[in-house]
Amino acid sequence: MKPDDQDRLLSVKAVCEIKDCSRITLWRHVKEGEFPKPRRIGKRNIKFLKSDVDAWLASRQVVGG
């Protein structure tokens, strides 16, 4: 992995694919504080930091069997 790979920006569509959910579910989880907030890149452009998404995924992994 490249050092700057964690600073990559992910689209809403990409996050929905990673999280396996709809856009509506994603935004509900963001609003309820259950998922990291996105960054506003422009007037109508919102992206998620890959590092935030990766940290959220890591916190959801079950340890043990």
PDB file of N, CA and C in Angstrom:
ATOM      1  N   MET A   1       0.842  -1.180   0.000  1.00  0.00           N
ATOM      2  CA  MET A   1       0.000   0.000   0.000  1.00  0.00           C
ATOM      3  C   MET A   1       0.890   1.246   0.000  1.00  0.00           C
ATOM      4  N   LYS A   2       0.558   2.208  -0.803  1.00  0.00           N
ATOM      5  CA  LYS A   2       1.302   3.452  -0.873  1.00  0.00           C
ATOM      6  C   LYS A   2       1.019   4.274   0.383  1.00  0.00           C
ATOM      7  N   PRO A   3       1.972   5.117   0.812  1.00  0.00           N
ATOM      8  CA  PRO A   3       1.749   5.936   2.004  1.00  0.00           C
ATOM      9  C   PRO A   3       0.540   6.855   1.894  1.00  0.00           C
ATOM     10  N   ASP A   4       0.277   7.368   0.696  1.00  0.00           N
ATOM     11  CA  ASP A   4      -0.841   8.293   0.518  1.00  0.00           C
ATOM     12  C   ASP A   4      -2.149   7.576   0.206  1.00  0.00           C
ATOM     13  N   ASP A   5      -2.143   6.247   0.171  1.00  0.00           N
ATOM     14  CA  ASP A   5      -3.347   5.487  -0.163  1.00  0.00           C
ATOM     15  C   ASP A   5      -4.456   5.718   0.861  1.00  0.00           C
ATOM     16  N   GLN A   6      -4.077   5.909   2.126  1.00  0.00           N
ATOM     17  CA  GLN A   6      -5.075   6.129   3.172  1.00  0.00           C
ATOM     18  C   GLN A   6      -5.759   7.491   3.017  1.00  0.00           C
ATOM     19  N   ASP A   7      -5.128   8.423   2.325  1.00  0.00           N
ATOM     20  CA  ASP A   7      -5.692   9.751   2.141  1.00  0.00           C
ATOM     21  C   ASP A   7      -6.555   9.845   0.889  1.00  0.00           C
ATOM     22  N   ARG A   8      -6.750   8.710   0.229  1.00  0.00           N
ATOM     23  CA  ARG A   8      -7.602   8.689  -0.967  1.00  0.00           C
ATOM     24  C   ARG A   8      -9.013   9.093  -0.613  1.00  0.00           C
ATOM     25  N   LEU A   9      -9.695   9.662  -1.570  1.00  0.00           N
ATOM     26  CA  LEU A   9     -11.088  10.048  -1.388  1.00  0.00           C
ATOM     27  C   LEU A   9     -11.981   9.050  -2.098  1.00  0.00           C
ATOM     28  N   LEU A  10     -13.049   8.645  -1.442  1.00  0.00           N
ATOM     29  CA  LEU A  10     -13.984   7.677  -2.008  1.00  0.00           C
ATOM     30  C   LEU A  10     -15.328   8.342  -2.271  1.00  0.00           C
ATOM     31  N   SER A  11     -15.922   7.992  -3.380  1.00  0.00           N
ATOM     32  CA  SER A  11     -17.245   8.517  -3.714  1.00  0.00           C
ATOM     33  C   SER A  11     -18.307   7.837  -2.845  1.00  0.00           C
ATOM     34  N   VAL A  12     -19.473   8.431  -2.818  1.00  0.00           N
ATOM     35  CA  VAL A  12     -20.604   7.849  -2.084  1.00  0.00           C
ATOM     36  C   VAL A  12     -20.910   6.466  -2.662  1.00  0.00           C
ATOM     37  N   LYS A  13     -20.868   6.346  -3.969  1.00  0.00           N
ATOM     38  CA  LYS A  13     -21.136   5.063  -4.622  1.00  0.00           C
ATOM     39  C   LYS A  13     -20.137   4.002  -4.180  1.00  0.00           C
ATOM     40  N   ALA A  14     -18.856   4.369  -4.134  1.00  0.00           N
ATOM     41  CA  ALA A  14     -17.824   3.416  -3.721  1.00  0.00           C
ATOM     42  C   ALA A  14     -18.022   2.986  -2.265  1.00  0.00           C
ATOM     43  N   VAL A  15     -18.371   3.930  -1.408  1.00  0.00           N
ATOM     44  CA  VAL A  15     -18.600   3.604   0.006  1.00  0.00           C
ATOM     45  C   VAL A  15     -19.810   2.694   0.151  1.00  0.00           C
ATOM     46  N   CYS A  16     -20.848   2.944  -0.618  1.00  0.00           N
ATOM     47  CA  CYS A  16     -22.037   2.083  -0.582  1.00  0.00           C
ATOM     48  C   CYS A  16     -21.682   0.660  -1.013  1.00  0.00           C
ATOM     49  N   GLU A  17     -20.811   0.527  -1.980  1.00  0.00           N
ATOM     50  CA  GLU A  17     -20.380  -0.802  -2.420  1.00  0.00           C
ATOM     51  C   GLU A  17     -19.542  -1.494  -1.341  1.00  0.00           C
ATOM     52  N   ILE A  18     -18.653  -0.748  -0.707  1.00  0.00           N
ATOM     53  CA  ILE A  18     -17.818  -1.306   0.363  1.00  0.00           C
ATOM     54  C   ILE A  18     -18.694  -1.715   1.546  1.00  0.00           C
ATOM     55  N   LYS A  19     -19.613  -0.847   1.902  1.00  0.00           N
ATOM     56  CA  LYS A  19     -20.477  -1.062   3.069  1.00  0.00           C
ATOM     57  C   LYS A  19     -21.644  -1.993   2.752  1.00  0.00           C
ATOM     58  N   ASP A  20     -21.883  -2.229   1.473  1.00  0.00           N
ATOM     59  CA  ASP A  20     -22.988  -3.059   0.999  1.00  0.00           C
ATOM     60  C   ASP A  20     -24.327  -2.545   1.515  1.00  0.00           C
ATOM     61  N   CYS A  21     -24.600  -1.278   1.172  1.00  0.00           N
ATOM     62  CA  CYS A  21     -25.857  -0.655   1.592  1.00  0.00           C
ATOM     63  C   CYS A  21     -26.298   0.353   0.533  1.00  0.00           C
ATOM     64  N   SER A  22     -27.519   0.831   0.689  1.00  0.00           N
ATOM     65  CA  SER A  22     -28.035   1.847  -0.226  1.00  0.00           C
ATOM     66  C   SER A  22     -27.549   3.228   0.215  1.00  0.00           C
ATOM     67  N   ARG A  23     -27.706   4.202  -0.657  1.00  0.00           N
ATOM     68  CA  ARG A  23     -27.343   5.578  -0.323  1.00  0.00           C
ATOM     69  C   ARG A  23     -28.164   6.077   0.867  1.00  0.00           C
ATOM     70  N   ILE A  24     -29.430   5.751   0.880  1.00  0.00           N
ATOM     71  CA  ILE A  24     -30.308   6.193   1.971  1.00  0.00           C
ATOM     72  C   ILE A  24     -29.821   5.640   3.309  1.00  0.00           C
ATOM     73  N   THR A  25     -29.468   4.360   3.325  1.00  0.00           N
ATOM     74  CA  THR A  25     -28.962   3.747   4.553  1.00  0.00           C
ATOM     75  C   THR A  25     -27.642   4.381   4.967  1.00  0.00           C
ATOM     76  N   LEU A  26     -26.764   4.635   4.016  1.00  0.00           N
ATOM     77  CA  LEU A  26     -25.487   5.275   4.315  1.00  0.00           C
ATOM     78  C   LEU A  26     -25.712   6.627   4.984  1.00  0.00           C
ATOM     79  N   TRP A  27     -26.546   7.457   4.391  1.00  0.00           N
ATOM     80  CA  TRP A  27     -26.779   8.796   4.946  1.00  0.00           C
ATOM     81  C   TRP A  27     -27.468   8.731   6.306  1.00  0.00           C
ATOM     82  N   ARG A  28     -28.331   7.744   6.502  1.00  0.00           N
ATOM     83  CA  ARG A  28     -28.963   7.585   7.816  1.00  0.00           C
ATOM     84  C   ARG A  28     -27.910   7.249   8.867  1.00  0.00           C
ATOM     85  N   HIS A  29     -26.970   6.365   8.522  1.00  0.00           N
ATOM     86  CA  HIS A  29     -25.906   6.003   9.458  1.00  0.00           C
ATOM     87  C   HIS A  29     -24.988   7.184   9.749  1.00  0.00           C
ATOM     88  N   VAL A  30     -24.708   8.010   8.750  1.00  0.00           N
ATOM     89  CA  VAL A  30     -23.897   9.210   8.963  1.00  0.00           C
ATOM     90  C   VAL A  30     -24.640  10.153   9.907  1.00  0.00           C
ATOM     91  N   LYS A  31     -25.917  10.375   9.637  1.00  0.00           N
ATOM     92  CA  LYS A  31     -26.723  11.295  10.453  1.00  0.00           C
ATOM     93  C   LYS A  31     -26.809  10.826  11.903  1.00  0.00           C
ATOM     94  N   GLU A  32     -26.913   9.512  12.113  1.00  0.00           N
ATOM     95  CA  GLU A  32     -27.036   8.962  13.462  1.00  0.00           C
ATOM     96  C   GLU A  32     -25.683   8.801  14.157  1.00  0.00           C
ATOM     97  N   GLY A  33     -24.587   9.159  13.467  1.00  0.00           N
ATOM     98  CA  GLY A  33     -23.259   9.066  14.055  1.00  0.00           C
ATOM     99  C   GLY A  33     -22.686   7.661  14.056  1.00  0.00           C
ATOM    100  N   GLU A  34     -23.269   6.775  13.265  1.00  0.00           N
ATOM    101  CA  GLU A  34     -22.817   5.386  13.199  1.00  0.00           C
ATOM    102  C   GLU A  34     -21.783   5.160  12.098  1.00  0.00           C
ATOM    103  N   PHE A  35     -21.515   6.194  11.319  1.00  0.00           N
ATOM    104  CA  PHE A  35     -20.545   6.094  10.232  1.00  0.00           C
ATOM    105  C   PHE A  35     -19.849   7.443  10.116  1.00  0.00           C
ATOM    106  N   PRO A  36     -18.561   7.456   9.722  1.00  0.00           N
ATOM    107  CA  PRO A  36     -17.814   8.721   9.629  1.00  0.00           C
ATOM    108  C   PRO A  36     -18.461   9.725   8.674  1.00  0.00           C
ATOM    109  N   LYS A  37     -18.340  10.982   9.027  1.00  0.00           N
ATOM    110  CA  LYS A  37     -18.875  12.051   8.175  1.00  0.00           C
ATOM    111  C   LYS A  37     -17.984  12.241   6.953  1.00  0.00           C
ATOM    112  N   PRO A  38     -18.601  12.590   5.834  1.00  0.00           N
ATOM    113  CA  PRO A  38     -17.829  12.835   4.605  1.00  0.00           C
ATOM    114  C   PRO A  38     -17.221  14.232   4.610  1.00  0.00           C
ATOM    115  N   ARG A  39     -16.405  14.480   3.628  1.00  0.00           N
ATOM    116  CA  ARG A  39     -15.792  15.797   3.426  1.00  0.00           C
ATOM    117  C   ARG A  39     -16.434  16.441   2.205  1.00  0.00           C
ATOM    118  N   ARG A  40     -16.730  17.718   2.298  1.00  0.00           N
ATOM    119  CA  ARG A  40     -17.263  18.453   1.151  1.00  0.00           C
ATOM    120  C   ARG A  40     -16.077  18.936   0.324  1.00  0.00           C
ATOM    121  N   ILE A  41     -16.017  18.493  -0.923  1.00  0.00           N
ATOM    122  CA  ILE A  41     -14.913  18.815  -1.818  1.00  0.00           C
ATOM    123  C   ILE A  41     -15.245  20.017  -2.694  1.00  0.00           C
ATOM    124  N   GLY A  42     -16.479  20.221  -2.964  1.00  0.00           N
ATOM    125  CA  GLY A  42     -16.939  21.340  -3.777  1.00  0.00           C
ATOM    126  C   GLY A  42     -18.375  21.649  -3.414  1.00  0.00           C
ATOM    127  N   LYS A  43     -18.984  22.489  -4.194  1.00  0.00           N
ATOM    128  CA  LYS A  43     -20.362  22.884  -3.908  1.00  0.00           C
ATOM    129  C   LYS A  43     -21.303  21.683  -3.901  1.00  0.00           C
ATOM    130  N   ARG A  44     -21.091  20.750  -4.833  1.00  0.00           N
ATOM    131  CA  ARG A  44     -21.973  19.585  -4.923  1.00  0.00           C
ATOM    132  C   ARG A  44     -21.205  18.270  -4.959  1.00  0.00           C
ATOM    133  N   ASN A  45     -20.037  18.265  -4.342  1.00  0.00           N
ATOM    134  CA  ASN A  45     -19.193  17.078  -4.390  1.00  0.00           C
ATOM    135  C   ASN A  45     -18.791  16.673  -2.974  1.00  0.00           C
ATOM    136  N   ILE A  46     -19.188  15.482  -2.570  1.00  0.00           N
ATOM    137  CA  ILE A  46     -18.906  14.971  -1.237  1.00  0.00           C
ATOM    138  C   ILE A  46     -18.131  13.666  -1.376  1.00  0.00           C
ATOM    139  N   LYS A  47     -17.075  13.538  -0.593  1.00  0.00           N
ATOM    140  CA  LYS A  47     -16.240  12.335  -0.621  1.00  0.00           C
ATOM    141  C   LYS A  47     -15.956  11.891   0.814  1.00  0.00           C
ATOM    142  N   PHE A  48     -15.651  10.604   0.957  1.00  0.00           N
ATOM    143  CA  PHE A  48     -15.263  10.043   2.244  1.00  0.00           C
ATOM    144  C   PHE A  48     -13.771   9.753   2.214  1.00  0.00           C
ATOM    145  N   LEU A  49     -13.078   9.989   3.327  1.00  0.00           N
ATOM    146  CA  LEU A  49     -11.673   9.620   3.417  1.00  0.00           C
ATOM    147  C   LEU A  49     -11.568   8.110   3.561  1.00  0.00           C
ATOM    148  N   LYS A  50     -10.704   7.507   2.767  1.00  0.00           N
ATOM    149  CA  LYS A  50     -10.519   6.059   2.823  1.00  0.00           C
ATOM    150  C   LYS A  50     -10.075   5.629   4.213  1.00  0.00           C
ATOM    151  N   SER A  51      -9.234   6.427   4.850  1.00  0.00           N
ATOM    152  CA  SER A  51      -8.752   6.080   6.191  1.00  0.00           C
ATOM    153  C   SER A  51      -9.898   6.029   7.195  1.00  0.00           C
ATOM    154  N   ASP A  52     -10.886   6.925   7.063  1.00  0.00           N
ATOM    155  CA  ASP A  52     -12.053   6.901   7.947  1.00  0.00           C
ATOM    156  C   ASP A  52     -12.881   5.641   7.722  1.00  0.00           C
ATOM    157  N   VAL A  53     -13.083   5.287   6.460  1.00  0.00           N
ATOM    158  CA  VAL A  53     -13.862   4.091   6.123  1.00  0.00           C
ATOM    159  C   VAL A  53     -13.129   2.840   6.604  1.00  0.00           C
ATOM    160  N   ASP A  54     -11.811   2.787   6.397  1.00  0.00           N
ATOM    161  CA  ASP A  54     -11.021   1.637   6.850  1.00  0.00           C
ATOM    162  C   ASP A  54     -11.068   1.491   8.372  1.00  0.00           C
ATOM    163  N   ALA A  55     -10.985   2.606   9.091  1.00  0.00           N
ATOM    164  CA  ALA A  55     -11.047   2.566  10.558  1.00  0.00           C
ATOM    165  C   ALA A  55     -12.409   2.071  11.015  1.00  0.00           C
ATOM    166  N   TRP A  56     -13.464   2.507  10.335  1.00  0.00           N
ATOM    167  CA  TRP A  56     -14.812   2.050  10.683  1.00  0.00           C
ATOM    168  C   TRP A  56     -14.929   0.547  10.435  1.00  0.00           C
ATOM    169  N   LEU A  57     -14.418   0.079   9.302  1.00  0.00           N
ATOM    170  CA  LEU A  57     -14.461  -1.357   8.999  1.00  0.00           C
ATOM    171  C   LEU A  57     -13.685  -2.155  10.042  1.00  0.00           C
ATOM    172  N   ALA A  58     -12.523  -1.678  10.432  1.00  0.00           N
ATOM    173  CA  ALA A  58     -11.708  -2.379  11.421  1.00  0.00           C
ATOM    174  C   ALA A  58     -12.411  -2.450  12.769  1.00  0.00           C
ATOM    175  N   SER A  59     -13.167  -1.407  13.103  1.00  0.00           N
ATOM    176  CA  SER A  59     -13.877  -1.409  14.392  1.00  0.00           C
ATOM    177  C   SER A  59     -15.043  -2.375  14.397  1.00  0.00           C
ATOM    178  N   ARG A  60     -15.498  -2.792  13.226  1.00  0.00           N
ATOM    179  CA  ARG A  60     -16.631  -3.697  13.097  1.00  0.00           C
ATOM    180  C   ARG A  60     -16.222  -5.162  13.033  1.00  0.00           C
ATOM    181  N   GLN A  61     -14.932  -5.428  12.865  1.00  0.00           N
ATOM    182  CA  GLN A  61     -14.473  -6.813  12.745  1.00  0.00           C
ATOM    183  C   GLN A  61     -14.524  -7.491  14.115  1.00  0.00           C
ATOM    184  N   VAL A  62     -15.034  -8.695  14.103  1.00  0.00           N
ATOM    185  CA  VAL A  62     -15.159  -9.474  15.325  1.00  0.00           C
ATOM    186  C   VAL A  62     -13.851 -10.209  15.584  1.00  0.00           C
ATOM    187  N   VAL A  63     -13.348 -10.078  16.795  1.00  0.00           N
ATOM    188  CA  VAL A  63     -12.113 -10.749  17.190  1.00  0.00           C
ATOM    189  C   VAL A  63     -12.491 -12.102  17.799  1.00  0.00           C
ATOM    190  N   GLY A  64     -11.780 -13.118  17.392  1.00  0.00           N
ATOM    191  CA  GLY A  64     -12.066 -14.456  17.923  1.00  0.00           C
ATOM    192  C   GLY A  64     -13.000 -15.220  17.020  1.00  0.00           C
ATOM    193  N   GLY A  65     -13.478 -16.350  17.496  1.00  0.00           N
ATOM    194  CA  GLY A  65     -14.299 -17.158  16.628  1.00  0.00           C
ATOM    195  C   GLY A  65     -15.531 -17.520  17.276  1.00  0.00           C
TER     196      GLY A  65
END
